[in-house]
C-alpha cells in the first residue's frame, strides 16, 4: 500500500532526518543540533474497553510509548479524535480527560488538537519528545548476545476481545486495563540510563511481529523462550476460547514464515505470541554484560522486566518451549 511513496523523498535531501525514511521505526527523529533531536509520532485507535476515561488513558499511554521506545522524553502532545455526533458530551469529555490526565502524569502538555465527526470513535495523540541525537534507541540497534527484556506481560488483545464478546470477567478486564494504562516512562528511563541502543514497543503486531521487525532491521536472529514470556492471568483462558482479535490472525499469516517453533506449543500458545497488543511494554536489547545490573535496577525502580530470550547471529525468530 505504501510502496508508491518509496523514492518520493530522498534521504540525501534531509540529512537531519535521522530516522524516518529508512527502515520503519516507532517514530521520526529530526536532529536540531549536536545535543538535541526531536522525536515526533502519532497513534490513535478505536475503543478497546467500555469505560470512556480508561479508553482515553490507554490511548494516551500508547501514543506516548513510541517516544519512550526511541529513548526519548515526551514534552508536548495534540489530541486526535474522530467521534460520532450522537456520542454524549460527557462521554467525549471523559475520553479527553483520560488522555489529558495520563499526559499530565507523564509531564506532557496537551496543547490542542483536532476533532472530526465519524461513525466509530477514534482517539489518540500526536506526541513530540527530545532525545540526544547519538542516543536514539532503534529497531536496528540489537547486537548478537543482547538479552531480550520485556517490560509488560502479554494478553491484552485476547482479553479485550473477550470483553467485546461478553466473555470477560470484570477482574480480568481490570488487570488488563491496569497494564495498558501504565506508562513506559520508567522503563524508558532505565533504557537511557544503561545506554541501550536496540528496542521497540510491543503493540499491534504482537511480540513476534515486533520481534521480527527488530530481527530484520538489526540483521540478527531472536531466540525466544516461551516459558519465560509473561502473560496476564486471563490470557490463556481466553486464548483457549479463541477470543483473538482479527489483528492477531493477520499477524500469524504475515509473520509466520519468519518464525520457527521448536518444541510442543499448541495453537493457543502460538497465537498468544502473535496477539495484537494495545499499549504493550518495551522490548529491549540489553548487552549481556549489563543484563544483571539492568534487572537489579529495574527491581529497585519497581519496573517490571522479564528476560525472554537473546539476540544471536543469523536472521529470523526461533521460539523454544
Protein backbone atom coordinates (compact mmCIF):
# COMPACT_ATOMS: atom_id res chain seq x y z
CA UNK A 1 0.00 0.00 0.00
CA UNK A 2 2.82 2.42 0.86
CA UNK A 3 5.17 1.23 -1.88
CA UNK A 4 4.19 4.04 -4.32
CA UNK A 5 5.63 6.54 -1.80
CA UNK A 6 9.10 4.99 -2.00
CA UNK A 7 11.52 7.38 -3.64
CA UNK A 8 9.24 10.39 -3.21
CA UNK A 9 11.58 11.81 -0.57
CA UNK A 10 15.35 11.41 -0.95
CA UNK A 11 17.18 10.92 2.38
CA UNK A 12 20.11 12.85 0.91
CA UNK A 13 17.90 15.95 0.81
CA UNK A 14 17.18 15.77 4.55
CA UNK A 15 20.41 14.90 6.39
CA UNK A 16 18.92 16.00 9.71
CA UNK A 17 16.15 13.38 9.45
CA UNK A 18 17.91 10.67 11.44
CA UNK A 19 15.01 8.18 11.48
CA UNK A 20 12.02 8.09 9.18
CA UNK A 21 12.83 7.32 5.54
CA UNK A 22 14.89 4.18 6.00
CA UNK A 23 13.75 1.08 7.87
CA UNK A 24 10.44 1.61 9.69
CA UNK A 25 10.74 2.62 13.32
CA UNK A 26 8.48 3.75 16.15
CA UNK A 27 8.79 7.48 15.43
CA UNK A 28 10.54 10.03 13.24
CA UNK A 29 13.68 11.69 14.63
CA UNK A 30 14.94 15.09 13.42
CA UNK A 31 18.29 16.48 14.58
CA UNK A 32 18.01 20.03 15.93
CA UNK A 33 21.64 20.50 16.98
CA UNK A 34 24.53 18.49 18.38
CA UNK A 35 22.76 17.89 21.69
CA UNK A 36 19.08 17.57 20.81
CA UNK A 37 16.88 15.76 18.34
CA UNK A 38 13.10 15.99 18.05
CA UNK A 39 11.02 12.79 18.17
CA UNK A 40 7.62 13.02 16.50
CA UNK A 41 4.94 10.33 16.47
CA UNK A 42 1.19 9.82 16.26
CA UNK A 43 -1.18 6.98 17.08
CA UNK A 44 -4.92 6.53 17.56
CA UNK A 45 -7.41 3.65 17.61
CA UNK A 46 -10.98 2.62 18.30
CA UNK A 47 -12.13 1.77 21.86
CA UNK A 48 -10.67 -1.38 23.42
CA UNK A 49 -12.61 -1.06 26.71
CA UNK A 50 -16.07 0.19 27.66
CA UNK A 51 -15.19 2.97 30.12
CA UNK A 52 -14.52 6.28 28.28
CA UNK A 53 -11.95 7.53 30.81
CA UNK A 54 -9.99 4.27 30.65
CA UNK A 55 -10.10 4.33 26.86
CA UNK A 56 -8.65 7.84 26.80
CA UNK A 57 -5.91 6.96 29.29
CA UNK A 58 -4.91 3.81 27.39
CA UNK A 59 -4.84 5.64 24.06
CA UNK A 60 -2.62 8.36 25.51
CA UNK A 61 -0.24 5.89 27.16
CA UNK A 62 0.01 4.02 23.87
CA UNK A 63 0.82 7.21 21.93
CA UNK A 64 3.44 8.31 24.45
CA UNK A 65 5.06 4.89 24.34
CA UNK A 66 6.65 5.44 20.93
CA UNK A 67 8.76 8.27 22.32
CA UNK A 68 9.91 6.14 25.24
CA UNK A 69 10.66 3.28 22.82
CA UNK A 70 13.01 5.59 20.90
CA UNK A 71 14.91 6.54 24.04
CA UNK A 72 13.30 9.96 24.36
CA UNK A 73 11.32 12.06 26.81
CA UNK A 74 7.96 13.46 25.62
CA UNK A 75 7.02 17.05 26.39
CA UNK A 76 4.15 18.11 24.10
CA UNK A 77 1.03 16.48 22.64
CA UNK A 78 -2.01 17.22 20.50
CA UNK A 79 -5.33 15.37 20.57
CA UNK A 80 -6.62 13.49 17.53
CA UNK A 81 -10.27 12.47 17.79
CA UNK A 82 -12.95 11.22 15.41
CA UNK A 83 -16.25 10.94 17.28
CA UNK A 84 -19.90 10.23 16.44
CA UNK A 85 -22.20 13.24 16.66
CA UNK A 86 -24.54 11.09 18.76
CA UNK A 87 -21.92 10.44 21.44
CA UNK A 88 -22.99 12.17 24.69
CA UNK A 89 -20.93 15.22 25.60
CA UNK A 90 -19.99 13.79 28.99
CA UNK A 91 -18.63 10.64 27.30
CA UNK A 92 -16.47 12.74 24.98
CA UNK A 93 -15.27 14.77 27.97
CA UNK A 94 -14.27 11.60 29.84
CA UNK A 95 -12.27 10.28 26.88
CA UNK A 96 -10.37 13.56 26.60
CA UNK A 97 -9.94 13.81 30.37
CA UNK A 98 -8.47 10.31 30.49
CA UNK A 99 -5.96 11.26 27.82
CA UNK A 100 -5.13 14.61 29.37
CA UNK A 101 -4.56 13.25 32.86
CA UNK A 102 -2.36 10.45 31.53
CA UNK A 103 -0.32 13.01 29.59
CA UNK A 104 -0.01 15.19 32.69
CA UNK A 105 1.21 12.14 34.64
CA UNK A 106 3.95 11.83 32.01
CA UNK A 107 4.89 15.51 32.36
CA UNK A 108 3.43 16.27 28.94
CA UNK A 109 1.26 19.26 27.99
CA UNK A 110 -1.74 18.66 25.70
CA UNK A 111 -1.80 21.94 23.80
CA UNK A 112 -4.76 21.44 21.47
CA UNK A 113 -5.62 19.10 18.64
CA UNK A 114 -8.23 18.35 16.02
CA UNK A 115 -11.57 16.53 16.01
CA UNK A 116 -13.94 15.40 13.26
CA UNK A 117 -17.22 13.52 13.19
CA UNK A 118 -17.09 9.81 12.39
CA UNK A 119 -19.39 6.83 12.88
CA UNK A 120 -16.94 4.98 15.15
CA UNK A 121 -14.94 6.65 17.95
CA UNK A 122 -11.21 7.03 17.43
CA UNK A 123 -8.80 8.79 19.77
CA UNK A 124 -5.08 9.26 20.23
CA UNK A 125 -2.28 11.79 20.36
CA UNK A 126 0.42 13.43 18.29
CA UNK A 127 3.45 13.44 20.61
CA UNK A 128 6.74 15.35 20.47
CA UNK A 129 9.78 14.48 22.55
CA UNK A 130 13.52 15.12 22.82
CA UNK A 131 16.44 12.70 22.60
CA UNK A 132 20.19 13.10 22.19
CA UNK A 133 20.98 12.50 18.50
CA UNK A 134 23.57 9.85 19.33
CA UNK A 135 21.50 8.02 21.96
CA UNK A 136 18.43 7.07 19.97
CA UNK A 137 17.02 3.57 20.51
CA UNK A 138 16.02 1.96 17.23
CA UNK A 139 14.92 -1.34 15.77
CA UNK A 140 18.29 -1.58 14.06
CA UNK A 141 20.25 -1.37 17.32
CA UNK A 142 20.26 -5.00 18.53
CA UNK A 143 23.56 -6.87 18.56
CA UNK A 144 24.28 -10.61 18.88
CA UNK A 145 24.47 -11.51 22.55
CA UNK A 146 21.92 -8.93 23.71
CA UNK A 147 19.37 -10.24 26.19
CA UNK A 148 15.77 -9.59 25.22
CA UNK A 149 13.90 -7.86 28.06
CA UNK A 150 10.12 -7.31 28.02
CA UNK A 151 8.58 -4.76 30.40
CA UNK A 152 4.86 -5.65 30.29
CA UNK A 153 3.13 -9.04 30.04
CA UNK A 154 1.12 -10.13 27.00
CA UNK A 155 -2.55 -10.99 26.64
CA UNK A 156 -4.25 -7.63 26.26
CA UNK A 157 -5.68 -8.32 22.79
CA UNK A 158 -7.29 -11.62 23.64
CA UNK A 159 -8.72 -10.22 26.90
CA UNK A 160 -10.22 -7.06 25.38
CA UNK A 161 -11.70 -9.15 22.56
CA UNK A 162 -13.29 -11.40 25.17
CA UNK A 163 -14.74 -8.21 26.68
CA UNK A 164 -16.25 -7.21 23.33
CA UNK A 165 -17.80 -10.69 23.03
CA UNK A 166 -19.29 -10.56 26.52
CA UNK A 167 -16.98 -13.31 27.81
CA UNK A 168 -14.61 -11.39 30.09
CA UNK A 169 -14.75 -11.32 33.87
CA UNK A 170 -14.50 -7.81 35.40
CA UNK A 171 -11.34 -8.64 37.35
CA UNK A 172 -9.62 -9.80 34.16
CA UNK A 173 -10.53 -6.57 32.39
CA UNK A 174 -9.28 -4.55 35.36
CA UNK A 175 -5.93 -6.35 35.27
CA UNK A 176 -5.53 -5.67 31.54
CA UNK A 177 -6.56 -2.01 31.94
CA UNK A 178 -4.03 -1.55 34.74
CA UNK A 179 -1.20 -2.70 32.50
CA UNK A 180 -2.39 -0.95 29.32
CA UNK A 181 -2.86 2.41 31.03
CA UNK A 182 0.57 2.23 32.64
CA UNK A 183 3.27 4.45 31.16
CA UNK A 184 6.50 3.05 29.74
CA UNK A 185 8.23 6.13 31.19
CA UNK A 186 10.27 4.41 33.91
CA UNK A 187 11.27 1.54 31.61
CA UNK A 188 12.38 4.12 29.04
CA UNK A 189 14.38 5.97 31.67
CA UNK A 190 16.20 2.75 32.56
CA UNK A 191 16.94 2.13 28.89
CA UNK A 192 18.52 5.59 28.65
CA UNK A 193 20.44 5.12 31.89
CA UNK A 194 22.04 1.92 30.60
CA UNK A 195 22.74 3.33 27.16
CA UNK A 196 20.63 0.79 25.29
CA UNK A 197 20.50 1.12 21.50
CA UNK A 198 18.09 -1.59 20.32
CA UNK A 199 14.40 -1.83 21.12
CA UNK A 200 10.78 -1.15 20.28
CA UNK A 201 7.39 -1.34 21.97
CA UNK A 202 5.02 -4.28 21.57
CA UNK A 203 1.71 -3.16 20.13
CA UNK A 204 -0.44 -4.19 17.17
CA UNK A 205 1.96 -6.67 15.57
CA UNK A 206 2.29 -8.69 18.76
CA UNK A 207 5.52 -9.98 20.28
CA UNK A 208 6.57 -11.98 17.22
CA UNK A 209 5.65 -9.29 14.72
CA UNK A 210 7.60 -6.57 16.50
CA UNK A 211 10.30 -9.13 17.25
CA UNK A 212 10.64 -9.77 13.52
CA UNK A 213 10.96 -6.03 12.89
CA UNK A 214 13.86 -5.96 15.37
CA UNK A 215 15.50 -9.06 13.92
CA UNK A 216 15.17 -7.83 10.36
CA UNK A 217 16.36 -4.26 10.97
CA UNK A 218 19.27 -5.41 13.18
CA UNK A 219 20.18 -8.43 10.99
CA UNK A 220 20.10 -10.81 13.95
CA UNK A 221 18.20 -13.93 14.94
CA UNK A 222 15.98 -13.85 18.01
CA UNK A 223 15.71 -16.90 20.25
CA UNK A 224 12.61 -16.53 22.44
CA UNK A 225 11.91 -18.87 25.35
CA UNK A 226 8.14 -19.31 25.50
CA UNK A 227 8.27 -20.47 29.12
CA UNK A 228 9.88 -17.14 30.08
CA UNK A 229 7.30 -14.92 28.35
CA UNK A 230 4.94 -13.30 30.88
CA UNK A 231 1.15 -13.22 30.39
CA UNK A 232 -1.65 -11.61 32.35
CA UNK A 233 -3.65 -14.14 34.33
CA UNK A 234 -6.60 -14.30 31.92
CA UNK A 235 -4.66 -14.68 28.66
CA UNK A 236 -4.61 -18.46 28.34
CA UNK A 237 -8.23 -18.79 29.48
CA UNK A 238 -9.50 -16.57 26.68
CA UNK A 239 -6.98 -17.96 24.20
CA UNK A 240 -8.49 -21.41 24.77
CA UNK A 241 -11.86 -19.88 23.85
CA UNK A 242 -10.40 -18.47 20.62
CA UNK A 243 -11.11 -14.85 21.57
CA UNK A 244 -8.39 -13.38 19.38
CA UNK A 245 -8.85 -10.06 17.55
CA UNK A 246 -8.59 -10.01 13.77
CA UNK A 247 -5.22 -8.31 14.01
CA UNK A 248 -3.76 -11.34 15.78
CA UNK A 249 -4.88 -13.60 12.95
CA UNK A 250 -3.36 -11.18 10.42
CA UNK A 251 -0.09 -11.22 12.39
CA UNK A 252 0.01 -15.00 12.26
CA UNK A 253 -0.50 -15.07 8.49
CA UNK A 254 2.06 -12.35 7.78
CA UNK A 255 4.88 -13.17 10.19
CA UNK A 256 4.63 -16.98 10.44
CA UNK A 257 7.08 -17.58 7.53
CA UNK A 258 9.80 -15.87 9.60
CA UNK A 259 9.26 -17.91 12.79
CA UNK A 260 10.39 -21.43 13.68
CA UNK A 261 8.67 -23.12 16.63
CA UNK A 262 10.78 -25.73 18.41
CA UNK A 263 9.07 -27.94 20.95
CA UNK A 264 5.47 -28.69 21.78
CA UNK A 265 3.47 -25.45 21.58
CA UNK A 266 -0.24 -25.82 20.93
CA UNK A 267 -2.28 -23.47 18.76
CA UNK A 268 -3.34 -21.22 21.65
CA UNK A 269 0.25 -20.81 22.87
CA UNK A 270 1.43 -19.85 19.40
CA UNK A 271 -1.41 -17.42 18.84
CA UNK A 272 -0.71 -15.65 22.13
CA UNK A 273 2.75 -14.73 20.81
CA UNK A 274 1.05 -13.15 17.78
CA UNK A 275 -1.67 -11.48 19.89
CA UNK A 276 -2.16 -7.85 18.89
CA UNK A 277 -1.39 -5.71 21.94
CA UNK A 278 -2.58 -2.23 22.85
CA UNK A 279 -0.15 -0.10 24.87
CA UNK A 280 2.20 -3.02 25.47
CA UNK A 281 5.61 -2.92 27.07
CA UNK A 282 9.06 -2.18 25.70
CA UNK A 283 11.08 -4.99 24.10
CA UNK A 284 14.71 -4.04 24.72
CA UNK A 285 18.08 -5.46 23.82
CA UNK A 286 20.32 -5.35 26.89
CA UNK A 287 24.02 -6.18 26.35
CA UNK A 288 24.88 -9.39 28.16
CA UNK A 289 27.41 -7.72 30.45
CA UNK A 290 24.79 -5.19 31.58
CA UNK A 291 21.85 -7.56 32.00
CA UNK A 292 22.26 -8.40 35.70
CA UNK A 293 22.70 -4.74 36.68
CA UNK A 294 19.74 -3.74 34.48
CA UNK A 295 17.44 -6.25 36.19
CA UNK A 296 18.63 -5.15 39.63
CA UNK A 297 17.97 -1.51 38.76
CA UNK A 298 14.54 -2.46 37.40
CA UNK A 299 13.61 -4.14 40.69
CA UNK A 300 14.82 -1.15 42.68
CA UNK A 301 12.75 1.20 40.49
CA UNK A 302 9.67 -1.09 40.61
CA UNK A 303 9.84 -1.57 36.83
CA UNK A 304 8.57 -4.91 35.57
CA UNK A 305 11.21 -6.67 33.47
CA UNK A 306 11.44 -10.23 32.19
CA UNK A 307 14.33 -11.76 30.22
CA UNK A 308 12.58 -13.72 27.47
CA UNK A 309 15.42 -14.61 25.11
CA UNK A 310 18.52 -13.47 23.32
CA UNK A 311 19.71 -11.99 20.04
CA UNK A 312 22.06 -14.29 18.11
CA UNK A 313 23.86 -14.28 14.79
CA UNK A 314 21.61 -15.10 11.85
CA UNK A 315 18.14 -13.97 10.85
CA UNK A 316 14.54 -14.73 11.83
CA UNK A 317 12.98 -15.90 15.08
CA UNK A 318 13.10 -19.24 16.87
CA UNK A 319 10.63 -19.93 19.68
CA UNK A 320 11.58 -22.71 22.09
CA UNK A 321 9.31 -24.17 24.73
